[in-house]
N, C-alpha and C. Protein backbone atom coordinates (compact mmCIF):
# COMPACT_ATOMS: atom_id res chain seq x y z
N MET A 1 43.38 14.13 30.09
CA MET A 1 43.27 13.79 28.92
C MET A 1 43.87 14.54 28.09
N LYS A 2 43.53 15.68 28.02
CA LYS A 2 44.04 16.49 26.93
C LYS A 2 45.44 16.82 27.07
N GLN A 3 45.99 16.54 28.59
CA GLN A 3 47.79 16.35 28.79
C GLN A 3 48.53 15.38 27.69
N CYS A 4 47.68 13.98 28.18
CA CYS A 4 47.85 12.71 27.36
C CYS A 4 47.84 12.75 25.93
N LEU A 5 47.02 13.28 25.37
CA LEU A 5 46.60 13.47 23.89
C LEU A 5 47.88 14.18 23.46
N SER A 6 48.10 15.63 24.23
CA SER A 6 49.26 16.43 23.74
C SER A 6 50.60 15.51 23.49
N ILE A 7 51.00 14.68 24.85
CA ILE A 7 52.13 13.93 24.94
C ILE A 7 52.24 12.98 23.44
N PHE A 8 50.75 12.36 23.56
CA PHE A 8 50.99 11.31 22.23
C PHE A 8 51.54 12.07 20.70
N PHE A 9 50.60 13.80 21.02
CA PHE A 9 51.02 13.84 19.35
C PHE A 9 52.28 14.50 19.39
N SER A 10 52.99 14.68 20.66
CA SER A 10 54.25 15.51 20.62
C SER A 10 55.20 14.14 20.59
N LEU A 11 55.19 13.09 20.73
CA LEU A 11 55.83 11.78 20.78
C LEU A 11 55.72 11.37 19.33
N ALA A 12 54.78 11.32 18.79
CA ALA A 12 54.38 11.47 17.35
C ALA A 12 55.30 12.07 16.53
N LEU A 13 55.50 13.59 16.73
CA LEU A 13 56.16 14.43 16.06
C LEU A 13 57.49 13.91 16.06
N VAL A 14 58.00 14.10 17.17
CA VAL A 14 59.54 13.38 17.54
C VAL A 14 59.66 12.47 16.77
N GLY A 15 59.04 11.07 16.86
CA GLY A 15 59.41 9.90 15.85
C GLY A 15 59.17 10.45 14.50
N PHE A 16 58.49 10.76 13.90
CA PHE A 16 58.05 11.57 12.73
C PHE A 16 59.49 12.24 12.20
N ALA A 17 60.04 13.30 13.04
CA ALA A 17 61.20 14.15 12.85
C ALA A 17 62.21 13.45 12.60
N ALA A 18 62.46 12.28 13.49
CA ALA A 18 63.49 11.13 13.31
C ALA A 18 63.35 10.38 11.97
N ASP A 19 62.17 9.83 11.70
CA ASP A 19 62.63 9.17 10.35
C ASP A 19 62.81 10.18 9.37
N LYS A 20 62.51 11.46 9.43
CA LYS A 20 63.23 12.18 8.42
C LYS A 20 64.14 12.34 8.26
N ASP A 21 64.90 12.57 9.46
CA ASP A 21 66.53 12.68 9.63
C ASP A 21 66.78 11.22 8.95
N ASP A 22 66.71 10.17 9.61
CA ASP A 22 66.91 8.97 9.34
C ASP A 22 66.78 9.02 7.39
N VAL A 23 65.84 9.28 6.56
CA VAL A 23 65.99 9.07 5.51
C VAL A 23 66.90 9.80 4.90
N THR A 24 67.30 11.35 5.22
CA THR A 24 68.24 11.90 4.76
C THR A 24 69.93 11.64 5.14
N ALA A 25 69.78 11.11 6.31
CA ALA A 25 71.19 10.42 6.66
C ALA A 25 71.64 9.62 5.66
N LEU A 26 70.35 8.35 5.50
CA LEU A 26 70.88 7.30 4.77
C LEU A 26 71.26 7.59 3.58
N VAL A 27 70.57 8.77 2.42
CA VAL A 27 71.20 9.27 1.26
C VAL A 27 72.29 9.79 1.80
N GLN A 28 72.57 10.80 2.50
CA GLN A 28 74.03 10.68 2.61
C GLN A 28 75.32 9.73 2.57
N LYS A 29 74.69 8.93 3.53
CA LYS A 29 75.78 7.50 3.88
C LYS A 29 76.07 7.06 2.05
N THR A 30 74.98 6.92 1.39
CA THR A 30 74.95 6.41 0.12
C THR A 30 75.87 7.34 -0.43
N PHE A 31 75.96 8.78 -0.51
CA PHE A 31 76.66 9.55 -1.42
C PHE A 31 78.10 9.40 -0.72
N ASP A 32 78.40 9.02 0.18
CA ASP A 32 79.53 9.07 1.36
C ASP A 32 80.20 7.68 0.88
N ALA A 33 79.32 6.75 1.05
CA ALA A 33 79.98 5.20 0.11
C ALA A 33 80.52 5.56 -0.99
N MET A 34 79.86 6.48 -2.02
CA MET A 34 79.89 6.21 -3.44
C MET A 34 81.55 6.98 -3.71
N ALA A 35 81.57 8.27 -2.56
CA ALA A 35 82.75 8.97 -2.63
C ALA A 35 83.66 7.75 -2.01
N ALA A 36 83.72 6.90 -1.17
CA ALA A 36 84.77 6.00 -0.80
C ALA A 36 84.99 4.78 -1.98
N HIS A 37 84.01 4.81 -3.03
CA HIS A 37 84.03 3.92 -3.90
C HIS A 37 83.93 1.98 -3.32
N ASP A 38 82.98 2.36 -1.69
CA ASP A 38 83.16 1.06 -1.43
C ASP A 38 81.39 0.31 -1.85
N ALA A 39 81.63 -0.54 -2.56
CA ALA A 39 80.97 -1.22 -3.00
C ALA A 39 79.45 -1.92 -1.96
N ALA A 40 80.07 -2.50 -0.84
CA ALA A 40 79.59 -3.22 0.19
C ALA A 40 78.80 -2.41 0.98
N ALA A 41 79.32 -1.02 1.29
CA ALA A 41 78.52 -0.09 1.78
C ALA A 41 77.40 0.70 1.11
N ILE A 42 77.36 0.34 -0.35
CA ILE A 42 76.70 1.01 -1.12
C ILE A 42 75.33 0.11 -0.74
N GLU A 43 75.60 -1.00 -1.13
CA GLU A 43 74.64 -2.17 -1.28
C GLU A 43 74.06 -2.26 -0.03
N GLY A 44 74.68 -1.94 1.15
CA GLY A 44 73.84 -1.90 2.47
C GLY A 44 73.06 -0.82 2.71
N CYS A 45 72.74 0.22 1.64
CA CYS A 45 72.24 1.27 1.72
C CYS A 45 70.60 0.82 1.10
N PHE A 46 70.81 -0.39 0.43
CA PHE A 46 69.82 -0.36 -0.59
C PHE A 46 68.79 -1.84 -0.57
N LEU A 47 67.50 -1.59 -1.07
CA LEU A 47 67.07 -3.29 -0.89
C LEU A 47 67.66 -3.81 -2.24
N LYS A 48 67.59 -5.32 -2.28
CA LYS A 48 68.63 -5.64 -3.20
C LYS A 48 68.12 -5.88 -4.62
N ASP A 49 66.68 -5.94 -4.42
CA ASP A 49 66.20 -5.39 -6.52
C ASP A 49 66.19 -3.80 -7.05
N ALA A 50 66.92 -2.95 -5.97
CA ALA A 50 66.93 -1.75 -6.44
C ALA A 50 67.37 -1.03 -7.62
N ARG A 51 66.94 0.15 -8.16
CA ARG A 51 67.13 0.29 -9.58
C ARG A 51 67.76 2.26 -9.45
N VAL A 52 68.74 1.94 -10.13
CA VAL A 52 68.79 3.24 -10.51
C VAL A 52 68.72 4.04 -11.91
N THR A 53 68.51 5.10 -11.88
CA THR A 53 67.42 5.59 -13.35
C THR A 53 67.86 6.92 -13.64
N ALA A 54 68.81 7.03 -14.68
CA ALA A 54 69.71 8.96 -14.88
C ALA A 54 68.46 8.99 -16.46
N ILE A 55 67.69 10.55 -16.11
CA ILE A 55 67.09 11.18 -16.97
C ILE A 55 68.02 12.06 -17.84
N ARG A 56 68.39 11.91 -18.85
CA ARG A 56 69.58 13.15 -19.33
C ARG A 56 68.67 14.46 -20.06
N GLU A 57 69.52 15.37 -20.59
CA GLU A 57 68.43 16.54 -21.27
C GLU A 57 67.95 16.15 -22.41
N THR A 58 68.25 15.51 -22.94
CA THR A 58 67.55 15.19 -24.16
C THR A 58 66.58 14.08 -23.98
N GLY A 59 66.38 13.79 -22.88
CA GLY A 59 65.11 12.82 -22.57
C GLY A 59 65.32 11.32 -22.53
N GLU A 60 66.56 11.01 -22.85
CA GLU A 60 66.95 9.81 -23.03
C GLU A 60 67.07 9.03 -21.64
N SER A 61 66.61 8.02 -21.76
CA SER A 61 66.92 7.24 -19.85
C SER A 61 67.49 6.27 -19.95
N SER A 62 68.54 5.68 -18.48
CA SER A 62 69.14 4.54 -18.46
C SER A 62 68.85 4.17 -17.23
N SER A 63 68.47 2.86 -17.28
CA SER A 63 68.18 2.37 -15.39
C SER A 63 69.13 0.87 -15.60
N ILE A 64 69.93 0.98 -14.60
CA ILE A 64 70.77 -0.14 -13.44
C ILE A 64 70.29 -0.86 -12.51
N GLY A 65 70.80 -2.07 -12.20
CA GLY A 65 70.56 -2.45 -10.93
C GLY A 65 71.47 -2.09 -10.38
N LEU A 66 71.26 -2.65 -8.60
CA LEU A 66 72.00 -2.22 -7.58
C LEU A 66 73.55 -2.48 -7.88
N THR A 67 73.89 -3.97 -8.23
CA THR A 67 75.19 -4.58 -8.49
C THR A 67 75.85 -3.92 -9.45
N THR A 68 75.15 -3.72 -10.31
CA THR A 68 75.69 -2.90 -11.82
C THR A 68 76.17 -1.78 -10.80
N PHE A 69 75.34 -0.72 -10.31
CA PHE A 69 75.86 0.67 -10.00
C PHE A 69 76.78 0.50 -8.83
N SER A 70 76.77 -0.51 -8.10
CA SER A 70 77.79 -0.37 -6.97
C SER A 70 79.39 -0.89 -7.51
N THR A 71 79.13 -1.94 -8.43
CA THR A 71 80.55 -2.22 -9.18
C THR A 71 81.10 -1.19 -9.66
N ARG A 72 80.25 -0.10 -10.60
CA ARG A 72 80.54 1.12 -11.05
C ARG A 72 81.36 1.57 -10.66
N ILE A 73 80.69 2.01 -9.58
CA ILE A 73 81.40 2.99 -8.24
C ILE A 73 82.53 2.98 -7.88
N ALA A 74 82.70 1.54 -7.08
CA ALA A 74 84.00 0.90 -6.78
C ALA A 74 84.80 0.77 -7.82
N SER A 75 84.54 0.44 -9.21
CA SER A 75 85.93 0.56 -9.64
C SER A 75 86.23 1.80 -10.44
N SER A 76 85.49 2.70 -10.34
CA SER A 76 86.07 4.21 -10.72
C SER A 76 87.23 4.36 -10.28
N LYS A 77 88.27 5.11 -11.01
CA LYS A 77 89.57 5.41 -10.31
C LYS A 77 89.26 7.29 -9.85
N ALA A 78 88.25 7.51 -10.45
CA ALA A 78 87.66 9.26 -10.06
C ALA A 78 87.76 9.30 -8.95
N LYS A 79 87.84 10.42 -8.44
CA LYS A 79 87.45 11.35 -7.31
C LYS A 79 85.83 11.78 -7.46
N ILE A 80 84.91 10.99 -6.62
CA ILE A 80 83.96 11.49 -6.83
C ILE A 80 83.40 12.00 -5.54
N LEU A 81 82.23 12.96 -5.60
CA LEU A 81 81.86 14.00 -4.43
C LEU A 81 80.03 14.17 -5.15
N GLU A 82 79.23 13.61 -4.67
CA GLU A 82 78.03 14.16 -4.96
C GLU A 82 77.30 14.73 -3.74
N ARG A 83 76.76 16.19 -3.86
CA ARG A 83 76.07 16.91 -2.47
C ARG A 83 74.52 17.42 -2.82
N MET A 84 74.01 17.29 -1.93
CA MET A 84 72.34 17.54 -2.09
C MET A 84 72.16 18.70 -1.01
N TRP A 85 71.16 19.39 -1.30
CA TRP A 85 70.90 20.30 -0.53
C TRP A 85 69.34 20.33 -0.50
N ASN A 86 69.06 21.15 0.69
CA ASN A 86 67.27 21.74 0.75
C ASN A 86 66.55 20.50 0.77
N PRO A 87 66.56 19.29 1.36
CA PRO A 87 66.03 18.11 0.83
C PRO A 87 64.49 17.93 1.41
N GLU A 88 63.64 17.48 0.68
CA GLU A 88 62.23 17.42 1.11
C GLU A 88 62.05 16.26 1.17
N VAL A 89 61.48 15.73 2.34
CA VAL A 89 60.95 14.46 2.90
C VAL A 89 59.71 14.27 2.83
N ARG A 90 59.43 12.91 2.34
CA ARG A 90 57.81 12.95 2.86
C ARG A 90 58.08 11.48 3.36
N VAL A 91 57.58 10.74 4.60
CA VAL A 91 57.10 9.83 5.21
C VAL A 91 55.52 9.34 5.58
N GLU A 92 55.15 8.26 5.16
CA GLU A 92 54.19 7.78 5.64
C GLU A 92 54.40 6.39 6.05
N GLY A 93 53.99 5.68 7.17
CA GLY A 93 54.36 4.54 7.54
C GLY A 93 55.68 3.88 7.17
N ARG A 94 55.61 3.03 6.21
CA ARG A 94 56.95 2.29 5.77
C ARG A 94 57.61 2.88 4.64
N ILE A 95 56.75 4.05 4.04
CA ILE A 95 57.60 4.23 2.88
C ILE A 95 57.82 5.55 2.87
N ALA A 96 58.74 6.33 1.87
CA ALA A 96 59.52 7.53 2.16
C ALA A 96 60.11 8.16 0.40
N SER A 97 60.10 9.04 0.53
CA SER A 97 60.56 9.95 -0.73
C SER A 97 61.05 11.24 -0.26
N LEU A 98 62.57 11.15 -1.05
CA LEU A 98 63.36 12.46 -0.53
C LEU A 98 63.74 13.18 -1.99
N TRP A 99 63.50 14.44 -2.22
CA TRP A 99 63.54 15.12 -3.47
C TRP A 99 64.41 15.99 -3.11
N ALA A 100 65.69 16.14 -3.77
CA ALA A 100 66.73 17.16 -3.58
C ALA A 100 67.58 17.61 -4.46
N PRO A 101 67.87 19.08 -4.62
CA PRO A 101 68.75 19.55 -5.95
C PRO A 101 70.18 18.98 -5.45
N TYR A 102 70.79 18.46 -6.71
CA TYR A 102 72.20 18.19 -6.09
C TYR A 102 73.42 18.45 -7.18
N ASP A 103 74.43 18.66 -6.76
CA ASP A 103 75.62 18.62 -8.37
C ASP A 103 76.24 17.38 -7.76
N PHE A 104 77.16 17.17 -8.90
CA PHE A 104 78.16 16.18 -8.81
C PHE A 104 79.56 16.13 -9.35
N HIS A 105 80.76 15.99 -8.71
CA HIS A 105 81.56 16.46 -8.80
C HIS A 105 82.71 15.21 -9.25
N ARG A 106 83.65 15.17 -10.41
CA ARG A 106 84.34 14.26 -10.56
C ARG A 106 85.91 14.73 -10.88
N ASP A 107 87.05 14.28 -10.37
CA ASP A 107 88.29 14.89 -9.96
C ASP A 107 88.35 16.23 -9.48
N GLY A 108 87.63 16.75 -8.82
CA GLY A 108 87.42 18.23 -8.22
C GLY A 108 86.65 19.13 -9.28
N MET A 109 85.66 18.85 -10.33
CA MET A 109 85.29 19.19 -11.55
C MET A 109 84.06 19.06 -11.46
N ARG A 110 82.73 20.14 -11.24
CA ARG A 110 81.76 19.44 -11.37
C ARG A 110 81.07 19.54 -13.06
N THR A 111 80.90 17.77 -12.79
CA THR A 111 80.39 17.65 -14.13
C THR A 111 78.78 17.92 -14.92
N HIS A 112 78.00 17.89 -13.50
CA HIS A 112 76.55 18.00 -13.96
C HIS A 112 75.75 18.48 -12.70
N CYS A 113 74.63 18.70 -12.64
CA CYS A 113 73.56 18.63 -11.83
C CYS A 113 72.46 18.51 -11.86
N GLY A 114 71.70 18.50 -10.94
CA GLY A 114 69.70 18.04 -11.30
C GLY A 114 69.02 18.07 -10.09
N ILE A 115 68.28 16.59 -10.12
CA ILE A 115 67.60 16.54 -8.91
C ILE A 115 67.52 14.81 -8.79
N ASP A 116 67.64 14.88 -7.36
CA ASP A 116 67.66 13.71 -6.74
C ASP A 116 66.26 13.13 -6.41
N GLN A 117 65.41 11.92 -6.75
CA GLN A 117 64.51 11.76 -6.36
C GLN A 117 64.37 9.65 -5.77
N VAL A 118 64.21 10.11 -4.63
CA VAL A 118 64.73 8.35 -4.17
C VAL A 118 63.73 8.15 -3.15
N ASP A 119 63.32 6.99 -3.33
CA ASP A 119 62.03 6.29 -2.96
C ASP A 119 62.93 5.18 -2.03
N LEU A 120 62.30 5.14 -0.55
CA LEU A 120 62.70 4.13 0.25
C LEU A 120 61.71 3.30 1.18
N VAL A 121 62.10 2.27 1.91
CA VAL A 121 61.35 1.42 2.65
C VAL A 121 62.05 1.18 3.53
N LYS A 122 61.03 1.35 4.98
CA LYS A 122 61.41 0.81 6.47
C LYS A 122 61.61 -0.50 6.43
N THR A 123 62.36 -1.29 6.36
CA THR A 123 62.76 -2.53 7.06
C THR A 123 62.78 -2.90 8.16
N ALA A 124 62.98 -4.13 8.73
CA ALA A 124 63.47 -4.35 9.89
C ALA A 124 64.77 -3.76 10.30
N GLU A 125 65.73 -3.58 9.16
CA GLU A 125 66.96 -3.36 9.73
C GLU A 125 66.82 -1.57 9.58
N GLY A 126 65.96 -1.11 9.18
CA GLY A 126 65.94 0.36 8.81
C GLY A 126 65.50 0.51 7.59
N TRP A 127 65.66 1.80 7.27
CA TRP A 127 65.46 2.46 6.00
C TRP A 127 66.41 1.66 5.25
N ARG A 128 65.69 1.84 3.78
CA ARG A 128 66.39 1.16 2.37
C ARG A 128 65.89 1.65 1.35
N ILE A 129 66.92 2.10 0.49
CA ILE A 129 66.71 2.95 -0.91
C ILE A 129 65.77 1.63 -1.75
N ALA A 130 64.60 1.83 -2.35
CA ALA A 130 64.39 0.82 -3.51
C ALA A 130 64.29 1.57 -4.66
N ASN A 131 64.68 2.75 -4.99
CA ASN A 131 64.75 3.50 -6.26
C ASN A 131 65.32 5.17 -5.83
N ILE A 132 66.34 5.18 -6.73
CA ILE A 132 66.85 6.34 -7.48
C ILE A 132 66.20 7.07 -8.65
N ILE A 133 65.87 7.82 -9.28
CA ILE A 133 65.79 8.36 -10.49
C ILE A 133 66.45 9.72 -9.91
N TYR A 134 67.13 9.91 -11.51
CA TYR A 134 67.87 11.70 -11.41
C TYR A 134 68.02 12.09 -12.33
N THR A 135 67.71 13.57 -12.57
CA THR A 135 68.01 13.96 -13.54
C THR A 135 69.62 14.58 -13.70
N VAL A 136 70.15 14.52 -14.80
CA VAL A 136 71.25 14.74 -15.56
C VAL A 136 71.34 15.97 -16.29
N VAL A 137 71.74 17.08 -15.77
CA VAL A 137 72.14 18.33 -16.63
C VAL A 137 73.28 19.16 -16.79
N THR A 138 73.79 19.20 -17.89
CA THR A 138 75.13 19.39 -17.57
C THR A 138 75.55 21.20 -18.33
N THR A 139 74.86 21.71 -18.72
CA THR A 139 74.62 23.46 -18.62
C THR A 139 73.76 24.13 -17.82
N GLY A 140 74.19 25.39 -17.25
CA GLY A 140 73.44 26.05 -16.72
C GLY A 140 73.03 25.50 -15.14
N CYS A 141 73.95 25.11 -14.51
CA CYS A 141 73.76 24.65 -13.42
C CYS A 141 73.86 25.59 -12.30
N PRO A 142 72.80 25.72 -11.23
CA PRO A 142 72.87 27.13 -10.61
C PRO A 142 74.21 26.73 -9.39
N VAL A 143 74.73 27.89 -8.69
CA VAL A 143 75.46 27.91 -8.18
C VAL A 143 75.46 27.22 -6.58
N SER A 144 75.79 26.24 -6.31
CA SER A 144 75.60 25.69 -5.05
C SER A 144 75.57 26.47 -3.74
N PRO A 145 74.36 26.32 -2.93
CA PRO A 145 74.32 26.94 -1.68
C PRO A 145 75.67 26.42 -0.72
N LEU A 146 76.05 25.27 -1.23
CA LEU A 146 76.88 24.67 -0.22
C LEU A 146 78.37 25.47 -0.54
N GLY A 147 78.49 26.02 -1.40
CA GLY A 147 79.52 26.99 -1.91
C GLY A 147 80.47 25.72 -2.83
N PRO A 148 81.89 26.54 -3.20
CA PRO A 148 82.66 25.31 -4.04
C PRO A 148 83.18 24.59 -3.21
N ILE A 149 83.61 23.23 -3.85
CA ILE A 149 84.22 22.15 -2.96
C ILE A 149 85.81 22.16 -2.44
N ASN A 150 86.25 22.02 -1.67
CA ASN A 150 87.76 21.95 -1.47
C ASN A 150 88.74 21.19 -2.18
């Protein structure tokens, strides 16, 4: 009986770790789709009624729906790169959250940094983003542990 319980808990932990990895991978997939200016790939990472909200240093906020977000990214002519590090992921059943520091680069220049907070839902198709809220810091950004961009 003890051995069966041990196997059960080991399998549960493996599933939990896989969920955390899947959540992180989906957020990275979103960043990759943004870099590729691929609206369809971006939208495939989200629930259809998802929102993206920016919180500026002044406290001003702006929130847009998924279609506006994906269209803006896809129509941008700038080379964009968003990088995150040390993500903290929490999973409980069909909901998850990812919290991570990030930096954002446009045409090879870092324009801002901050914190990404991503809320996700596990659907029949897998994890999907329900909401992204992020801070926008334009001065005093720390040096990324990922190093300089190429």
